[in-house]
Amino acid sequence: MVQAREDSLPYLVFADGEYKKGNIDVALLYYRRSLKSQYSNDTLSSIYYTMGSCFYLKNDYKNAITKFRKAIVLSPGHFKSYNAWGSSLSNLGKYEEAIEKFKKVIDLNTTYTIAYLNRVLALLLQKREEEARKRFEEMRLKKSELSLCEKIYKEEVKNLEASMSKREKDKEVVMKRIESINHLLELIQKKIQLVET
């Protein structure tokens, strides 16, 4: 969440609370109001990142990208914004651009596991299975990291399945994403078994 100045603390505290409760539209309203105050670039970057995350959760990837870009302009090393930007691009079917964003994340933070896996997922979505498998095998992950990523991707599948009725026009894209995530989950689960033995 975001660290706030005193004059806008009520807006940010309320926005963060609503975000945590899943009341995304209300959170966005209060994040917008909080922007009227003066902040450091790092704080503004965090606000824009969280706003982008709100739009991402609403499957509004174009607005999400706009907010992630603003976060990066304010804080060029904000690797989580690059990762979320890449995920948004991937959801829009712009896999090559997404892969470039994931590479940028990896350049900024070599330990951010989810960026490596998101790159593998983008490769799977392009049906570049051999390259995806190679990239996956190159990763040196601990069981705890694998288990956390497994949980994150299972949650994403659940959210995609739940949003299917609202996304009738791009149902084929959603199904393709679910199929590729399930493929990635199989790779993760196999690697977890190898790490256990």
Protein backbone atom coordinates (compact mmCIF):
# COMPACT_ATOMS: atom_id res chain seq x y z
CA MET A 1 0.00 0.00 0.00
CA VAL A 2 0.93 3.67 -0.15
CA GLN A 3 2.63 5.87 2.43
CA ALA A 4 0.78 9.16 2.78
CA ARG A 5 1.29 12.72 3.89
CA GLU A 6 -0.86 13.87 6.78
CA ASP A 7 -3.11 16.21 4.73
CA SER A 8 -4.29 13.42 2.49
CA LEU A 9 -3.98 10.56 4.94
CA PRO A 10 -7.76 10.02 5.23
CA TYR A 11 -8.11 9.54 1.45
CA LEU A 12 -5.21 7.13 1.20
CA VAL A 13 -6.13 5.15 4.29
CA PHE A 14 -9.69 4.82 3.04
CA ALA A 15 -8.54 3.96 -0.50
CA ASP A 16 -6.14 1.30 0.78
CA GLY A 17 -8.85 -0.16 3.01
CA GLU A 18 -11.33 -0.36 0.16
CA TYR A 19 -8.70 -1.88 -2.12
CA LYS A 20 -7.99 -4.60 0.44
CA LYS A 21 -11.72 -5.31 0.73
CA GLY A 22 -12.03 -5.61 -3.05
CA ASN A 23 -14.12 -2.44 -3.47
CA ILE A 24 -12.11 -1.38 -6.47
CA ASP A 25 -14.30 1.45 -7.80
CA VAL A 26 -14.45 3.12 -4.38
CA ALA A 27 -10.69 2.67 -3.95
CA LEU A 28 -10.05 4.31 -7.33
CA LEU A 29 -12.24 7.26 -6.40
CA TYR A 30 -10.23 7.92 -3.24
CA TYR A 31 -6.87 7.31 -4.88
CA ARG A 32 -7.83 9.97 -7.46
CA ARG A 33 -8.76 12.37 -4.67
CA SER A 34 -5.47 11.72 -2.91
CA LEU A 35 -3.56 12.82 -6.02
CA LYS A 36 -4.60 16.42 -5.34
CA SER A 37 -1.98 16.58 -2.59
CA GLN A 38 1.77 17.00 -3.05
CA TYR A 39 3.91 13.88 -2.72
CA SER A 40 7.37 12.63 -3.43
CA ASN A 41 7.81 10.87 -6.77
CA ASP A 42 8.13 7.51 -5.00
CA THR A 43 4.80 7.97 -3.22
CA LEU A 44 3.07 9.15 -6.40
CA SER A 45 4.55 6.18 -8.23
CA SER A 46 3.09 3.84 -5.61
CA ILE A 47 -0.33 5.48 -5.91
CA TYR A 48 -0.31 5.12 -9.71
CA TYR A 49 0.87 1.52 -9.43
CA THR A 50 -2.01 0.71 -7.08
CA MET A 51 -4.48 2.51 -9.35
CA GLY A 52 -3.13 0.48 -12.27
CA SER A 53 -3.64 -2.66 -10.20
CA CYS A 54 -7.26 -1.62 -9.63
CA PHE A 55 -7.84 -1.26 -13.36
CA TYR A 56 -6.07 -4.58 -13.94
CA LEU A 57 -8.47 -6.29 -11.52
CA LYS A 58 -11.35 -4.78 -13.50
CA ASN A 59 -9.88 -6.28 -16.71
CA ASP A 60 -9.40 -2.72 -18.00
CA TYR A 61 -5.87 -3.32 -19.24
CA LYS A 62 -5.53 -0.15 -21.33
CA ASN A 63 -6.21 2.11 -18.33
CA ALA A 64 -4.01 -0.12 -16.20
CA ILE A 65 -1.12 0.38 -18.63
CA THR A 66 -1.62 4.15 -18.50
CA LYS A 67 -1.26 4.12 -14.70
CA PHE A 68 1.73 1.75 -14.74
CA ARG A 69 3.46 4.03 -17.26
CA LYS A 70 2.88 7.03 -14.98
CA ALA A 71 4.34 5.08 -12.07
CA ILE A 72 7.46 4.30 -14.13
CA VAL A 73 7.89 7.91 -15.30
CA LEU A 74 7.90 8.98 -11.64
CA SER A 75 10.11 6.11 -10.48
CA PRO A 76 12.00 4.48 -13.39
CA GLY A 77 13.12 1.53 -11.25
CA HIS A 78 9.59 0.55 -10.21
CA PHE A 79 9.97 -3.05 -11.38
CA LYS A 80 6.50 -4.11 -10.19
CA SER A 81 4.96 -1.57 -12.57
CA TYR A 82 6.95 -3.02 -15.46
CA ASN A 83 5.78 -6.51 -14.50
CA ALA A 84 2.14 -5.44 -14.25
CA TRP A 85 2.47 -3.54 -17.55
CA GLY A 86 3.78 -6.73 -19.14
CA SER A 87 0.91 -8.76 -17.69
CA SER A 88 -1.56 -6.21 -19.05
CA LEU A 89 0.03 -6.40 -22.50
CA SER A 90 -0.09 -10.18 -22.32
CA ASN A 91 -3.79 -10.03 -21.50
CA LEU A 92 -4.26 -7.83 -24.58
CA GLY A 93 -2.49 -10.44 -26.74
CA LYS A 94 0.64 -8.28 -27.21
CA TYR A 95 3.05 -11.02 -26.21
CA GLU A 96 6.30 -9.70 -27.71
CA GLU A 97 5.83 -6.34 -26.00
CA ALA A 98 4.98 -8.18 -22.78
CA ILE A 99 8.16 -10.25 -23.00
CA GLU A 100 10.18 -7.02 -23.36
CA LYS A 101 8.61 -5.66 -20.17
CA PHE A 102 9.36 -8.89 -18.29
CA LYS A 103 12.97 -8.69 -19.48
CA LYS A 104 13.12 -5.14 -18.11
CA VAL A 105 11.84 -6.37 -14.73
CA ILE A 106 14.51 -9.07 -14.69
CA ASP A 107 17.17 -6.45 -15.51
CA LEU A 108 15.94 -4.30 -12.61
CA ASN A 109 15.44 -7.12 -10.11
CA THR A 110 16.95 -10.52 -10.84
CA THR A 111 15.17 -12.08 -7.84
CA TYR A 112 11.59 -11.18 -8.87
CA THR A 113 10.46 -14.74 -9.67
CA ILE A 114 7.04 -13.87 -11.02
CA ALA A 115 8.61 -11.90 -13.91
CA TYR A 116 10.51 -15.00 -15.06
CA LEU A 117 7.31 -17.05 -14.91
CA ASN A 118 5.29 -14.35 -16.68
CA ARG A 119 7.86 -14.42 -19.49
CA VAL A 120 7.46 -18.21 -19.72
CA LEU A 121 3.68 -17.76 -19.79
CA ALA A 122 3.92 -15.21 -22.63
CA LEU A 123 6.06 -17.67 -24.58
CA LEU A 124 3.48 -20.42 -23.98
CA LEU A 125 0.73 -18.09 -25.18
CA GLN A 126 2.69 -17.68 -28.42
CA LYS A 127 2.97 -21.47 -28.71
CA ARG A 128 6.77 -21.21 -28.32
CA GLU A 129 6.75 -24.23 -26.02
CA GLU A 130 10.34 -25.34 -26.50
CA GLU A 131 11.70 -21.88 -25.66
CA ALA A 132 9.26 -21.60 -22.73
CA ARG A 133 10.37 -24.94 -21.33
CA LYS A 134 14.04 -23.96 -21.75
CA ARG A 135 13.50 -20.64 -19.94
CA PHE A 136 11.61 -22.43 -17.19
CA GLU A 137 14.33 -25.04 -16.69
CA GLU A 138 16.99 -22.30 -16.47
CA MET A 139 15.26 -20.90 -13.40
CA ARG A 140 16.71 -21.86 -10.03
CA LEU A 141 13.70 -21.72 -7.75
CA LYS A 142 13.17 -22.79 -4.20
CA LYS A 143 10.14 -24.84 -3.27
CA SER A 144 8.65 -21.89 -1.36
CA GLU A 145 8.91 -19.66 -4.45
CA LEU A 146 7.36 -22.32 -6.65
CA SER A 147 4.50 -22.87 -4.20
CA LEU A 148 3.79 -19.14 -4.00
CA CYS A 149 3.77 -18.82 -7.79
CA GLU A 150 1.51 -21.85 -8.06
CA LYS A 151 -0.93 -20.15 -5.70
CA ILE A 152 -0.81 -16.88 -7.68
CA TYR A 153 -1.48 -18.59 -11.01
CA LYS A 154 -4.28 -20.75 -9.60
CA GLU A 155 -5.91 -17.56 -8.32
CA GLU A 156 -5.55 -15.97 -11.76
CA VAL A 157 -7.25 -18.98 -13.40
CA LYS A 158 -10.07 -18.70 -10.87
CA ASN A 159 -10.46 -14.96 -11.58
CA LEU A 160 -10.39 -15.50 -15.35
CA GLU A 161 -13.04 -18.21 -15.11
CA ALA A 162 -15.20 -15.95 -12.94
CA SER A 163 -14.87 -13.04 -15.37
CA MET A 164 -15.70 -15.17 -18.43
CA SER A 165 -19.36 -14.10 -18.55
CA LYS A 166 -18.35 -10.42 -18.53
CA ARG A 167 -15.77 -10.95 -21.25
CA GLU A 168 -17.90 -12.66 -23.88
CA LYS A 169 -16.28 -10.74 -26.75
CA ASP A 170 -12.79 -12.01 -25.92
CA LYS A 171 -13.74 -15.43 -24.59
CA GLU A 172 -11.31 -17.16 -26.95
CA VAL A 173 -8.39 -15.06 -25.63
CA VAL A 174 -9.38 -15.84 -22.04
CA MET A 175 -9.62 -19.57 -22.77
CA LYS A 176 -6.19 -19.51 -24.43
CA ARG A 177 -4.75 -17.74 -21.37
CA ILE A 178 -6.33 -20.26 -18.99
CA GLU A 179 -4.95 -23.13 -21.07
CA SER A 180 -1.44 -21.63 -21.05
CA ILE A 181 -1.54 -20.90 -17.32
CA ASN A 182 -2.59 -24.49 -16.69
CA HIS A 183 0.38 -25.62 -18.81
CA LEU A 184 2.67 -23.41 -16.71
CA LEU A 185 1.10 -24.82 -13.53
CA GLU A 186 1.97 -28.33 -14.75
CA LEU A 187 5.61 -27.24 -15.16
CA ILE A 188 5.61 -25.68 -11.70
CA GLN A 189 4.06 -28.75 -10.10
CA LYS A 190 6.61 -31.07 -11.76
CA LYS A 191 9.45 -28.87 -10.56
CA ILE A 192 8.01 -28.84 -7.02
CA GLN A 193 8.05 -32.65 -7.07
CA LEU A 194 11.67 -32.66 -8.26
CA VAL A 195 12.69 -30.22 -5.53
CA GLU A 196 10.98 -32.41 -2.91
CA THR A 197 12.90 -35.54 -3.90
